[in-house]
């Protein structure tokens, strides 16, 4: 069984709190809880305070918390978790306590302030844990590789199901059923199967529409395996590919390869995005590229860094990102090609093992 270094993660985050001049921190976001202490369910709160780590949950999760939570004392709360956490915080005469402001509701923030005395200063923060999560450790990379391999394997079930007259939901259903049979926790997101004119919808979730006898079919899918997500997109063509369609596909593939080649340590995320856009600009197709080039992937399907226009975040070894250019031509259809890559010491490694050759599915 692969072991996560929760102790190392907690110590590293504790140093972040020192650097930020914080005496404590309240963690409630599920992915951050899983990352820091291993808890995989809902209704949890981790309090880091004055060198102590205390995890709160309710009676429904007593056994699960005691089994999963690492590096923290488990407390089973009788009421709202924040109420019990406030009792610990309130014992200090004064303290600066951080919280995940970008993931906390206004109502919860108000409650937090009301529960402790005025000498406790609540400090809103954004992305402190996420900054640490962006750099995947060896165990995380192993899990991500496994998720990518599984995602690629079950995609083949979808590819075999594609044909004229088959409904998009049938294709998605075969893929998702295969994923569950293979041991996936679930899907990273609602599977996208967008055929013919619907391919012009970047997020065209599988519908009851039948696949037409001619045109591109975009399949974007991902699985969650032991908590970690995968994400890949391939586009196939039903019927004979026209010259223009072949040129479009070649242009998107070239842009994707250019994007992958641009990924290396120290490069701003926006530079990778611009490399992709420049390639599509040369093909006079850039106006049909309507989203960012990629995003980070890990415990969540969309994580920093975002590979978008003018994004200043510099890539670092251990970051896992997607490279997914696409074109979406209204009334015609769409093409997207997506791989996951990990930033290495001198470039990147493509994780997705599925061919990007243009596949023609017979219309008969």
Protein backbone atom coordinates (compact mmCIF):
# COMPACT_ATOMS: atom_id res chain seq x y z
CA UNK A 1 0.00 0.00 0.00
CA UNK A 2 1.42 3.38 -1.02
CA UNK A 3 2.14 5.59 2.00
CA UNK A 4 1.64 9.32 1.97
CA UNK A 5 4.04 11.56 3.88
CA UNK A 6 1.42 13.41 5.93
CA UNK A 7 3.96 14.29 8.61
CA UNK A 8 6.22 15.94 6.05
CA UNK A 9 3.32 17.84 4.52
CA UNK A 10 2.17 19.09 7.92
CA UNK A 11 5.67 20.21 8.89
CA UNK A 12 6.08 22.04 5.60
CA UNK A 13 2.75 23.80 6.03
CA UNK A 14 3.63 24.65 9.63
CA UNK A 15 6.68 26.48 8.28
CA UNK A 16 4.38 28.36 5.89
CA UNK A 17 2.38 29.53 8.90
CA UNK A 18 5.57 30.79 10.53
CA UNK A 19 6.51 32.64 7.34
CA UNK A 20 3.03 34.17 7.19
CA UNK A 21 3.21 35.16 10.89
CA UNK A 22 0.22 33.01 11.78
CA UNK A 23 -0.21 31.26 15.13
CA UNK A 24 -2.79 28.86 13.78
CA UNK A 25 -4.90 27.81 10.84
CA UNK A 26 -8.32 26.29 10.21
CA UNK A 27 -8.66 23.85 7.31
CA UNK A 28 -12.11 22.81 6.06
CA UNK A 29 -11.78 22.24 2.30
CA UNK A 30 -12.10 18.46 1.66
CA UNK A 31 -9.15 18.20 -0.76
CA UNK A 32 -6.90 20.11 1.63
CA UNK A 33 -7.95 17.89 4.53
CA UNK A 34 -7.15 14.80 2.49
CA UNK A 35 -3.80 16.24 1.48
CA UNK A 36 -2.70 17.23 4.98
CA UNK A 37 -4.04 14.40 7.13
CA UNK A 38 -5.62 11.71 4.95
CA UNK A 39 -9.30 12.23 5.78
CA UNK A 40 -11.45 11.32 2.77
CA UNK A 41 -15.02 12.10 3.83
CA UNK A 42 -17.14 15.18 4.50
CA UNK A 43 -17.69 17.38 7.56
CA UNK A 44 -14.16 17.66 8.81
CA UNK A 45 -12.06 20.46 10.28
CA UNK A 46 -8.34 20.45 10.97
CA UNK A 47 -7.00 22.99 13.46
CA UNK A 48 -3.29 23.74 13.54
CA UNK A 49 -2.64 25.84 16.62
CA UNK A 50 0.47 26.55 18.68
CA UNK A 51 2.20 23.41 17.42
CA UNK A 52 -0.83 21.18 18.01
CA UNK A 53 -2.97 19.52 15.36
CA UNK A 54 -6.55 18.61 16.18
CA UNK A 55 -9.09 17.10 13.78
CA UNK A 56 -12.81 17.56 14.37
CA UNK A 57 -15.70 15.62 12.86
CA UNK A 58 -19.10 14.34 14.00
CA UNK A 59 -20.30 10.96 15.23
CA UNK A 60 -21.12 9.64 11.77
CA UNK A 61 -17.44 9.50 10.92
CA UNK A 62 -15.93 8.35 14.23
CA UNK A 63 -14.44 5.10 12.97
CA UNK A 64 -13.42 6.51 9.61
CA UNK A 65 -11.63 9.48 11.16
CA UNK A 66 -9.79 7.30 13.67
CA UNK A 67 -8.69 5.01 10.87
CA UNK A 68 -7.73 7.63 8.30
CA UNK A 69 -6.54 10.77 10.08
CA UNK A 70 -2.78 10.93 10.47
CA UNK A 71 -0.74 13.32 12.58
CA UNK A 72 -3.65 14.89 14.47
CA UNK A 73 -5.74 14.14 17.54
CA UNK A 74 -9.31 13.21 16.60
CA UNK A 75 -12.15 14.95 18.44
CA UNK A 76 -15.78 13.93 17.89
CA UNK A 77 -17.84 17.11 18.15
CA UNK A 78 -21.30 17.18 19.66
CA UNK A 79 -22.39 20.17 17.58
CA UNK A 80 -20.98 22.45 14.88
CA UNK A 81 -17.29 21.68 14.31
CA UNK A 82 -16.30 25.33 14.40
CA UNK A 83 -17.85 25.65 17.86
CA UNK A 84 -15.55 22.98 19.27
CA UNK A 85 -12.55 24.39 17.42
CA UNK A 86 -13.31 27.84 18.85
CA UNK A 87 -13.03 26.44 22.37
CA UNK A 88 -9.41 25.47 21.66
CA UNK A 89 -8.65 28.81 20.00
CA UNK A 90 -10.30 30.78 22.79
CA UNK A 91 -7.90 29.35 25.38
CA UNK A 92 -5.15 31.54 23.93
CA UNK A 93 -4.94 35.09 25.24
CA UNK A 94 -4.22 36.33 21.72
CA UNK A 95 -3.45 34.79 18.35
CA UNK A 96 -3.52 35.36 14.61
CA UNK A 97 -5.42 32.47 13.05
CA UNK A 98 -5.62 31.99 9.30
CA UNK A 99 -8.49 30.47 7.37
CA UNK A 100 -9.26 29.57 3.76
CA UNK A 101 -11.03 32.77 2.80
CA UNK A 102 -11.48 31.78 -0.84
CA UNK A 103 -13.23 28.57 0.27
CA UNK A 104 -15.25 29.92 3.21
CA UNK A 105 -18.79 31.31 3.05
CA UNK A 106 -19.58 34.75 4.42
CA UNK A 107 -21.89 33.14 6.99
CA UNK A 108 -19.15 30.82 8.24
CA UNK A 109 -16.61 33.64 8.46
CA UNK A 110 -19.11 35.67 10.50
CA UNK A 111 -19.70 32.71 12.81
CA UNK A 112 -15.95 32.26 13.31
CA UNK A 113 -15.55 35.85 14.43
CA UNK A 114 -18.47 35.60 16.83
CA UNK A 115 -17.23 32.43 18.52
CA UNK A 116 -13.92 33.75 19.86
CA UNK A 117 -12.91 36.79 21.86
CA UNK A 118 -11.64 39.95 20.21
CA UNK A 119 -7.98 39.30 20.91
CA UNK A 120 -8.10 36.46 18.42
CA UNK A 121 -7.44 37.91 14.98
CA UNK A 122 -8.81 35.99 12.02
CA UNK A 123 -6.55 36.33 8.99
CA UNK A 124 -8.11 35.58 5.59
CA UNK A 125 -5.72 33.73 3.29
CA UNK A 126 -5.88 32.36 -0.22
CA UNK A 127 -4.06 29.39 -1.71
CA UNK A 128 -1.55 28.68 1.08
CA UNK A 129 -2.18 24.94 0.99
CA UNK A 130 -2.76 24.95 -2.76
CA UNK A 131 0.71 26.38 -3.34
CA UNK A 132 2.11 23.34 -1.58
CA UNK A 133 -0.26 20.97 -3.39
CA UNK A 134 0.86 22.26 -6.80
CA UNK A 135 4.16 20.39 -6.45
CA UNK A 136 3.36 16.69 -6.41
CA UNK A 137 5.57 14.35 -4.38
CA UNK A 138 6.62 10.88 -5.50
CA UNK A 139 3.63 9.09 -4.00
CA UNK A 140 1.21 11.52 -5.64
CA UNK A 141 2.89 11.14 -9.02
CA UNK A 142 2.55 7.36 -8.72
CA UNK A 143 -1.19 7.67 -8.04
CA UNK A 144 -1.64 10.17 -10.87
CA UNK A 145 0.18 7.88 -13.30
CA UNK A 146 -2.10 5.03 -12.27
CA UNK A 147 -5.19 7.22 -12.74
CA UNK A 148 -3.99 8.32 -16.19
CA UNK A 149 -3.36 4.70 -17.24
CA UNK A 150 -6.81 3.67 -16.07
CA UNK A 151 -8.42 6.63 -17.82
CA UNK A 152 -6.66 5.64 -21.03
CA UNK A 153 -7.73 2.02 -20.69
CA UNK A 154 -11.42 2.78 -20.23
CA UNK A 155 -11.37 5.33 -23.04
CA UNK A 156 -10.90 2.41 -25.41
CA UNK A 157 -14.40 1.22 -24.46
CA UNK A 158 -15.78 4.57 -25.59
CA UNK A 159 -13.73 4.57 -28.79
CA UNK A 160 -15.06 1.14 -29.76
CA UNK A 161 -18.65 2.25 -29.12
CA UNK A 162 -18.52 5.28 -31.43
CA UNK A 163 -20.51 4.89 -34.61
CA UNK A 164 -23.33 6.53 -36.57
CA UNK A 165 -26.68 6.27 -34.80
CA UNK A 166 -25.17 5.54 -31.39
CA UNK A 167 -26.31 8.05 -28.76
CA UNK A 168 -23.66 10.12 -27.03
CA UNK A 169 -24.89 8.94 -23.62
CA UNK A 170 -24.34 5.33 -24.67
CA UNK A 171 -20.70 6.06 -25.44
CA UNK A 172 -20.27 7.86 -22.10
CA UNK A 173 -22.10 5.06 -20.29
CA UNK A 174 -19.79 2.36 -21.61
CA UNK A 175 -16.75 4.39 -20.57
CA UNK A 176 -18.07 5.12 -17.09
CA UNK A 177 -19.23 1.54 -16.50
CA UNK A 178 -15.79 0.25 -17.51
CA UNK A 179 -14.18 2.74 -15.12
CA UNK A 180 -16.22 1.50 -12.18
CA UNK A 181 -15.57 -2.12 -13.08
CA UNK A 182 -11.85 -1.38 -13.18
CA UNK A 183 -11.92 0.08 -9.66
CA UNK A 184 -12.24 3.83 -10.18
CA UNK A 185 -13.57 5.88 -7.25
CA UNK A 186 -15.69 7.75 -9.78
CA UNK A 187 -15.35 10.13 -12.69
CA UNK A 188 -13.29 13.31 -12.51
CA UNK A 189 -16.21 15.19 -14.14
CA UNK A 190 -19.30 14.50 -16.24
CA UNK A 191 -18.02 12.74 -19.35
CA UNK A 192 -18.07 14.89 -22.48
CA UNK A 193 -19.14 13.25 -25.72
CA UNK A 194 -19.93 15.87 -28.34
CA UNK A 195 -20.58 14.72 -31.90
CA UNK A 196 -21.06 16.61 -35.15
CA UNK A 197 -22.22 20.20 -34.66
CA UNK A 198 -22.34 19.68 -30.88
CA UNK A 199 -18.56 19.40 -30.96
CA UNK A 200 -18.49 23.19 -31.16
CA UNK A 201 -19.52 23.17 -27.48
CA UNK A 202 -16.27 22.96 -25.46
CA UNK A 203 -18.15 21.41 -22.52
CA UNK A 204 -20.76 19.47 -24.47
CA UNK A 205 -21.74 16.84 -21.92
CA UNK A 206 -23.03 13.60 -23.41
CA UNK A 207 -26.61 14.01 -24.62
CA UNK A 208 -29.26 11.72 -26.09
CA UNK A 209 -28.34 12.93 -29.58
CA UNK A 210 -27.28 10.22 -31.99
CA UNK A 211 -23.84 10.43 -33.57
CA UNK A 212 -24.24 11.56 -37.20
CA UNK A 213 -22.84 9.68 -40.20
CA UNK A 214 -20.19 12.31 -40.78
CA UNK A 215 -18.20 14.55 -38.50
CA UNK A 216 -15.86 14.77 -35.51
CA UNK A 217 -16.66 13.26 -32.11
CA UNK A 218 -14.96 14.82 -29.10
CA UNK A 219 -14.55 12.57 -26.04
CA UNK A 220 -13.23 14.24 -22.87
CA UNK A 221 -13.11 12.02 -19.80
CA UNK A 222 -11.25 11.34 -16.59
CA UNK A 223 -11.31 8.95 -13.66
CA UNK A 224 -10.60 9.33 -9.96
CA UNK A 225 -8.39 6.59 -8.57
CA UNK A 226 -7.49 6.56 -4.87
CA UNK A 227 -8.38 10.23 -4.73
CA UNK A 228 -6.36 11.46 -7.71
CA UNK A 229 -7.82 12.60 -11.01
CA UNK A 230 -7.00 12.01 -14.64
CA UNK A 231 -8.07 14.04 -17.68
CA UNK A 232 -7.74 13.33 -21.39
CA UNK A 233 -9.45 14.28 -24.65
CA UNK A 234 -9.33 12.58 -28.00
CA UNK A 235 -11.26 13.43 -31.17
CA UNK A 236 -12.18 10.82 -33.76
CA UNK A 237 -14.00 11.23 -37.05
CA UNK A 238 -17.02 9.30 -38.31
CA UNK A 239 -17.03 8.87 -42.09
CA UNK A 240 -14.43 9.97 -44.61
CA UNK A 241 -12.37 12.97 -43.47
CA UNK A 242 -12.41 15.90 -45.87
CA UNK A 243 -9.27 17.82 -46.79
CA UNK A 244 -10.30 20.81 -44.66
CA UNK A 245 -11.13 18.62 -41.67
CA UNK A 246 -7.77 16.89 -41.96
CA UNK A 247 -6.04 20.29 -42.04
CA UNK A 248 -7.97 21.40 -38.96
CA UNK A 249 -7.00 18.27 -37.06
CA UNK A 250 -3.36 18.60 -38.07
CA UNK A 251 -3.33 22.23 -36.90
CA UNK A 252 -4.74 21.35 -33.47
CA UNK A 253 -2.30 18.48 -33.07
CA UNK A 254 0.61 20.73 -34.06
CA UNK A 255 -0.51 23.34 -31.52
CA UNK A 256 -0.72 20.67 -28.84
CA UNK A 257 2.77 19.39 -29.60
CA UNK A 258 4.12 22.95 -29.57
CA UNK A 259 2.47 23.47 -26.17
CA UNK A 260 4.04 20.32 -24.76
CA UNK A 261 7.46 21.37 -26.08
CA UNK A 262 7.07 24.73 -24.28
CA UNK A 263 6.60 23.13 -20.85
CA UNK A 264 9.76 23.31 -18.76
CA UNK A 265 10.85 24.67 -15.36
CA UNK A 266 10.90 28.44 -15.01
CA UNK A 267 8.57 29.13 -17.93
CA UNK A 268 5.56 31.33 -17.09
CA UNK A 269 2.26 29.49 -17.60
CA UNK A 270 1.15 32.25 -19.96
CA UNK A 271 4.11 31.55 -22.24
CA UNK A 272 2.89 27.99 -22.82
CA UNK A 273 -0.56 29.33 -23.63
CA UNK A 274 0.88 31.84 -26.08
CA UNK A 275 2.92 29.14 -27.83
CA UNK A 276 -0.28 27.20 -28.49
CA UNK A 277 -2.18 30.30 -29.65
CA UNK A 278 0.67 31.29 -31.93
CA UNK A 279 0.55 27.90 -33.65
CA UNK A 280 -3.20 28.19 -34.19
CA UNK A 281 -2.73 31.78 -35.35
CA UNK A 282 -0.43 30.59 -38.11
CA UNK A 283 -3.15 28.20 -39.21
CA UNK A 284 -5.70 31.07 -39.02
CA UNK A 285 -7.76 29.11 -36.51
CA UNK A 286 -6.96 30.99 -33.29
CA UNK A 287 -10.37 32.71 -33.22
CA UNK A 288 -11.93 29.28 -32.69
CA UNK A 289 -9.82 28.56 -29.59
CA UNK A 290 -11.99 29.85 -26.77
CA UNK A 291 -10.51 28.54 -23.51
CA UNK A 292 -7.19 28.28 -21.71
CA UNK A 293 -4.48 25.88 -22.82
CA UNK A 294 -4.55 23.84 -19.63
CA UNK A 295 -4.77 23.52 -15.87
CA UNK A 296 -3.24 21.65 -12.96
CA UNK A 297 -4.61 18.24 -11.95
CA UNK A 298 -4.33 16.34 -8.68
CA UNK A 299 -6.78 15.73 -5.87
CA UNK A 300 -9.11 18.01 -7.84
CA UNK A 301 -9.68 18.08 -11.56
CA UNK A 302 -8.99 21.81 -11.82
CA UNK A 303 -6.09 23.07 -9.74
CA UNK A 304 -3.47 25.78 -10.17
CA UNK A 305 -1.50 26.56 -12.18
CA UNK A 306 -3.78 27.72 -14.96
CA UNK A 307 -2.14 27.82 -18.36
CA UNK A 308 -3.96 30.86 -19.69
CA UNK A 309 -3.25 34.24 -21.22
CA UNK A 310 -0.57 36.23 -19.36
CA UNK A 311 -0.59 33.90 -16.34
CA UNK A 312 2.64 34.71 -14.44
CA UNK A 313 2.96 31.49 -12.40
CA UNK A 314 6.26 29.85 -13.31
CA UNK A 315 6.27 26.12 -13.86
CA UNK A 316 8.23 23.96 -11.42
CA UNK A 317 9.28 20.30 -11.41
CA UNK A 318 6.51 18.16 -9.95
CA UNK A 319 3.64 20.22 -11.34
CA UNK A 320 1.11 18.17 -13.31
CA UNK A 321 -0.82 20.05 -15.99
CA UNK A 322 -2.97 19.43 -19.04
CA UNK A 323 -2.18 20.66 -22.54
CA UNK A 324 -5.51 20.81 -24.37
CA UNK A 325 -5.89 23.17 -27.32
CA UNK A 326 -9.08 22.95 -29.33
CA UNK A 327 -11.04 24.66 -32.05
CA UNK A 328 -14.82 25.05 -31.99
CA UNK A 329 -16.40 26.06 -35.28
CA UNK A 330 -20.09 27.01 -34.96
CA UNK A 331 -22.30 24.91 -37.21
CA UNK A 332 -19.40 22.60 -38.10
CA UNK A 333 -18.05 20.91 -34.99
CA UNK A 334 -14.98 20.82 -32.82
CA UNK A 335 -11.60 19.22 -32.23
CA UNK A 336 -9.69 18.98 -28.95
CA UNK A 337 -6.59 16.97 -28.08
CA UNK A 338 -5.53 16.77 -24.43
CA UNK A 339 -2.69 15.09 -22.56
CA UNK A 340 -1.54 15.31 -18.97
CA UNK A 341 2.15 16.08 -18.49
CA UNK A 342 4.44 16.36 -15.47
CA UNK A 343 7.08 19.07 -15.36
CA UNK A 344 10.55 17.53 -14.99
CA UNK A 345 13.98 18.98 -14.30
CA UNK A 346 14.59 19.92 -17.92
CA UNK A 347 11.24 19.75 -19.68
CA UNK A 348 8.20 17.56 -19.24
CA UNK A 349 6.99 13.98 -19.52
CA UNK A 350 3.75 13.14 -21.31
CA UNK A 351 1.71 10.82 -19.12
CA UNK A 352 -1.21 10.06 -21.46
CA UNK A 353 -0.44 6.88 -23.47
CA UNK A 354 -3.22 7.06 -26.09
CA UNK A 355 -2.43 7.66 -29.77
CA UNK A 356 -3.18 11.08 -31.24
CA UNK A 357 -3.37 9.82 -34.79
CA UNK A 358 -6.58 10.85 -36.53
CA UNK A 359 -8.92 7.85 -36.37
CA UNK A 360 -11.61 7.35 -39.00
CA UNK A 361 -14.69 5.38 -37.97
CA UNK A 362 -16.56 3.81 -40.88
CA UNK A 363 -20.01 5.25 -41.41
CA UNK A 364 -21.54 2.01 -42.69
